[in-house]
Protein backbone atom coordinates (compact mmCIF):
# COMPACT_ATOMS: atom_id res chain seq x y z
CA MET A 1 -122.20 -169.80 57.44
CA HIS A 2 -120.08 -172.86 56.50
CA LYS A 3 -119.48 -171.68 52.91
CA PHE A 4 -118.16 -168.28 54.38
CA PHE A 5 -115.66 -170.25 56.13
CA SER A 6 -114.76 -172.28 52.96
CA ILE A 7 -114.38 -169.31 50.91
CA LEU A 8 -112.29 -167.41 53.67
CA GLY A 9 -110.06 -170.79 54.25
CA VAL A 10 -109.47 -170.58 50.27
CA PHE A 11 -108.65 -167.10 50.27
CA VAL A 12 -105.99 -167.65 53.35
CA VAL A 13 -104.40 -170.58 51.35
CA ALA A 14 -104.03 -168.63 48.26
CA SER A 15 -102.33 -165.52 50.26
CA ILE A 16 -99.70 -167.89 51.86
CA VAL A 17 -98.95 -170.00 48.58
CA GLY A 18 -98.86 -166.73 46.51
CA GLY A 19 -97.23 -164.68 49.30
CA CYS A 20 -96.14 -161.23 48.74
CA PRO A 21 -93.47 -160.29 46.21
CA SER A 22 -90.05 -159.88 47.93
CA PRO A 23 -87.56 -156.82 46.95
CA LYS A 24 -85.23 -157.81 44.34
CA SER A 25 -81.70 -156.86 43.52
CA VAL A 26 -82.22 -157.37 40.01
CA ARG A 27 -84.39 -155.29 37.73
CA ASP A 28 -84.75 -155.67 33.87
CA GLY A 29 -81.31 -157.42 33.80
CA PHE A 30 -79.42 -154.65 35.52
CA GLU A 31 -78.35 -155.96 38.96
CA ARG A 32 -78.06 -153.15 41.58
CA LYS A 33 -75.02 -152.36 43.57
CA PRO A 34 -75.16 -152.58 47.29
CA GLY A 35 -76.66 -149.58 48.72
CA GLU A 36 -78.27 -148.29 45.35
CA LEU A 37 -81.63 -146.89 45.64
CA PRO A 38 -84.24 -148.48 43.34
CA LEU A 39 -85.03 -146.66 40.42
CA HIS A 40 -88.39 -145.69 41.49
CA GLU A 41 -86.79 -144.07 44.39
CA ARG A 42 -83.97 -142.09 42.43
CA HIS A 43 -86.13 -139.41 42.03
CA LYS A 44 -85.92 -138.02 45.53
CA ARG A 45 -82.22 -136.71 44.90
CA LEU A 46 -82.11 -132.80 44.17
CA LEU A 47 -82.17 -131.90 40.56
CA PRO A 48 -84.13 -129.11 38.95
CA PRO A 49 -87.27 -130.29 37.33
CA GLY A 50 -86.92 -132.30 34.33
CA ALA A 51 -83.21 -133.08 34.79
CA ILE A 52 -81.66 -136.33 34.50
CA LYS A 53 -78.11 -137.71 35.83
CA PHE A 54 -77.16 -140.71 34.43
CA ASP A 55 -73.91 -143.27 33.32
CA ALA A 56 -74.18 -143.91 29.53
CA LYS A 57 -72.03 -145.42 26.83
CA ILE A 58 -71.87 -144.12 23.39
CA ILE A 59 -73.21 -146.55 21.04
CA THR A 60 -73.09 -144.33 17.58
CA VAL A 61 -71.79 -141.37 16.86
CA PHE A 62 -73.95 -139.53 14.30
CA THR A 63 -72.31 -137.73 11.14
CA ASP A 64 -75.36 -134.99 11.10
CA ARG A 65 -73.93 -131.50 11.34
CA SER A 66 -75.79 -128.24 11.97
CA ALA A 67 -76.45 -126.12 9.22
CA ILE A 68 -76.19 -122.91 11.07
CA PRO A 69 -72.85 -121.01 10.20
CA GLY A 70 -70.66 -120.47 13.45
CA ASP A 71 -72.42 -123.04 15.39
CA PRO A 72 -69.73 -125.65 16.98
CA CYS A 73 -71.95 -128.56 15.66
CA ALA A 74 -71.45 -127.34 12.10
CA THR A 75 -67.94 -128.72 12.15
CA ASN A 76 -67.91 -131.09 15.15
CA PRO A 77 -70.04 -134.17 16.01
CA CYS A 78 -72.93 -133.25 18.43
CA LEU A 79 -75.47 -136.13 17.79
CA ALA A 80 -75.22 -139.99 19.07
CA ARG A 81 -77.13 -142.91 19.92
CA ILE A 82 -76.47 -143.76 23.49
CA GLN A 83 -77.47 -146.57 25.78
CA VAL A 84 -77.98 -145.43 29.49
CA THR A 85 -76.61 -148.07 31.91
CA MET A 86 -77.82 -146.27 35.19
CA PHE A 87 -80.02 -143.54 36.18
CA HIS A 88 -78.55 -141.93 39.13
CA ALA A 89 -81.23 -139.26 40.02
CA PHE A 90 -84.52 -137.54 38.18
CA GLY A 91 -85.76 -134.18 38.65
CA TYR A 92 -89.62 -133.78 39.37
CA GLY A 93 -91.79 -134.76 36.55
CA VAL A 94 -89.43 -137.17 34.64
CA LYS A 95 -91.23 -140.63 34.43
CA GLY A 96 -91.13 -143.90 32.22
CA LEU A 97 -87.22 -144.26 32.06
CA GLN A 98 -85.34 -147.41 32.80
CA ASP A 99 -81.79 -148.30 33.16
CA GLY A 100 -80.74 -149.86 29.71
CA ASP A 101 -82.81 -147.80 27.53
CA PHE A 102 -81.36 -146.13 24.37
CA PHE A 103 -81.52 -142.59 23.50
CA ARG A 104 -80.79 -140.28 20.36
CA THR A 105 -78.95 -137.81 22.18
CA GLN A 106 -77.52 -134.09 21.42
CA PHE A 107 -74.57 -132.70 23.18
CA LYS A 108 -74.63 -129.09 23.77
CA MET A 109 -70.97 -128.73 24.11
CA THR A 110 -70.19 -131.26 21.04
CA MET A 111 -68.62 -134.23 21.42
CA SER A 112 -65.08 -132.97 20.51
CA ASP A 113 -62.30 -132.07 22.87
CA THR A 114 -63.17 -128.60 24.22
CA THR A 115 -63.25 -126.19 26.96
CA ILE A 116 -66.22 -124.17 27.98
CA ASP A 117 -66.38 -121.42 30.80
CA GLY A 118 -63.21 -122.92 32.03
CA LYS A 119 -64.40 -126.56 32.12
CA ARG A 120 -62.69 -129.09 30.04
CA TYR A 121 -64.70 -131.67 28.11
CA ARG A 122 -62.84 -134.79 26.97
CA GLY A 123 -63.92 -135.87 23.53
CA LEU A 124 -66.28 -138.69 23.30
CA SER A 125 -66.31 -141.29 20.59
CA GLU A 126 -68.03 -144.91 20.04
CA GLY A 127 -67.74 -147.20 22.92
CA ASP A 128 -66.71 -144.59 25.45
CA SER A 129 -68.44 -144.32 28.78
CA PHE A 130 -69.49 -141.07 30.53
CA THR A 131 -71.66 -139.58 33.63
CA GLY A 132 -73.95 -136.84 32.12
CA THR A 133 -76.71 -134.49 33.11
CA GLY A 134 -79.40 -133.51 30.77
CA TYR A 135 -82.85 -133.10 29.62
CA MET A 136 -85.73 -135.04 27.86
CA MET A 137 -86.71 -132.91 24.72
CA ALA A 138 -89.61 -133.46 22.34
CA THR A 139 -88.56 -132.47 18.93
CA GLN A 140 -90.17 -133.31 15.40
CA ASP A 141 -87.96 -136.25 14.99
CA GLY A 142 -88.89 -137.86 18.33
CA ASP A 143 -87.55 -137.52 21.78
CA VAL A 144 -83.95 -136.42 22.23
CA LEU A 145 -81.77 -136.67 25.62
CA GLU A 146 -79.97 -133.50 25.56
CA VAL A 147 -76.75 -133.56 27.45
CA HIS A 148 -76.09 -130.21 29.07
CA ASP A 149 -72.76 -131.56 31.20
CA TYR A 150 -70.71 -134.69 31.33
CA GLU A 151 -67.65 -136.24 32.85
């Protein structure tokens, strides 16, 4: 019986010293703003399954062009490397993404100044920041974040 209380005492002391982890406002080097949801809670916002809403910065614009005649991406840049500075929301099924991640990205509406269905998209170039909505797509060259809309 004495041995039982000794083990129990060690366990209690270890629990008190170790403590429970406290919530932090800093995660992976990015500080959360007051009132901002933790990354794992942002999936509760309403988006279609697989969709992502995010803030990002253009790191590199690729010069690759589409080989399909008449495709807007045959004459305008559509591919870039971006860094997501903050994920705002995830649709159902999106997992494993972190603020600060880098992605190869395809812009469905090109990166040039254009208007589609009455909505104007400002042109984007290296160093520009934007808020976008898109989907992760698996391709033969690896995963690509396909941007369907941006501001």
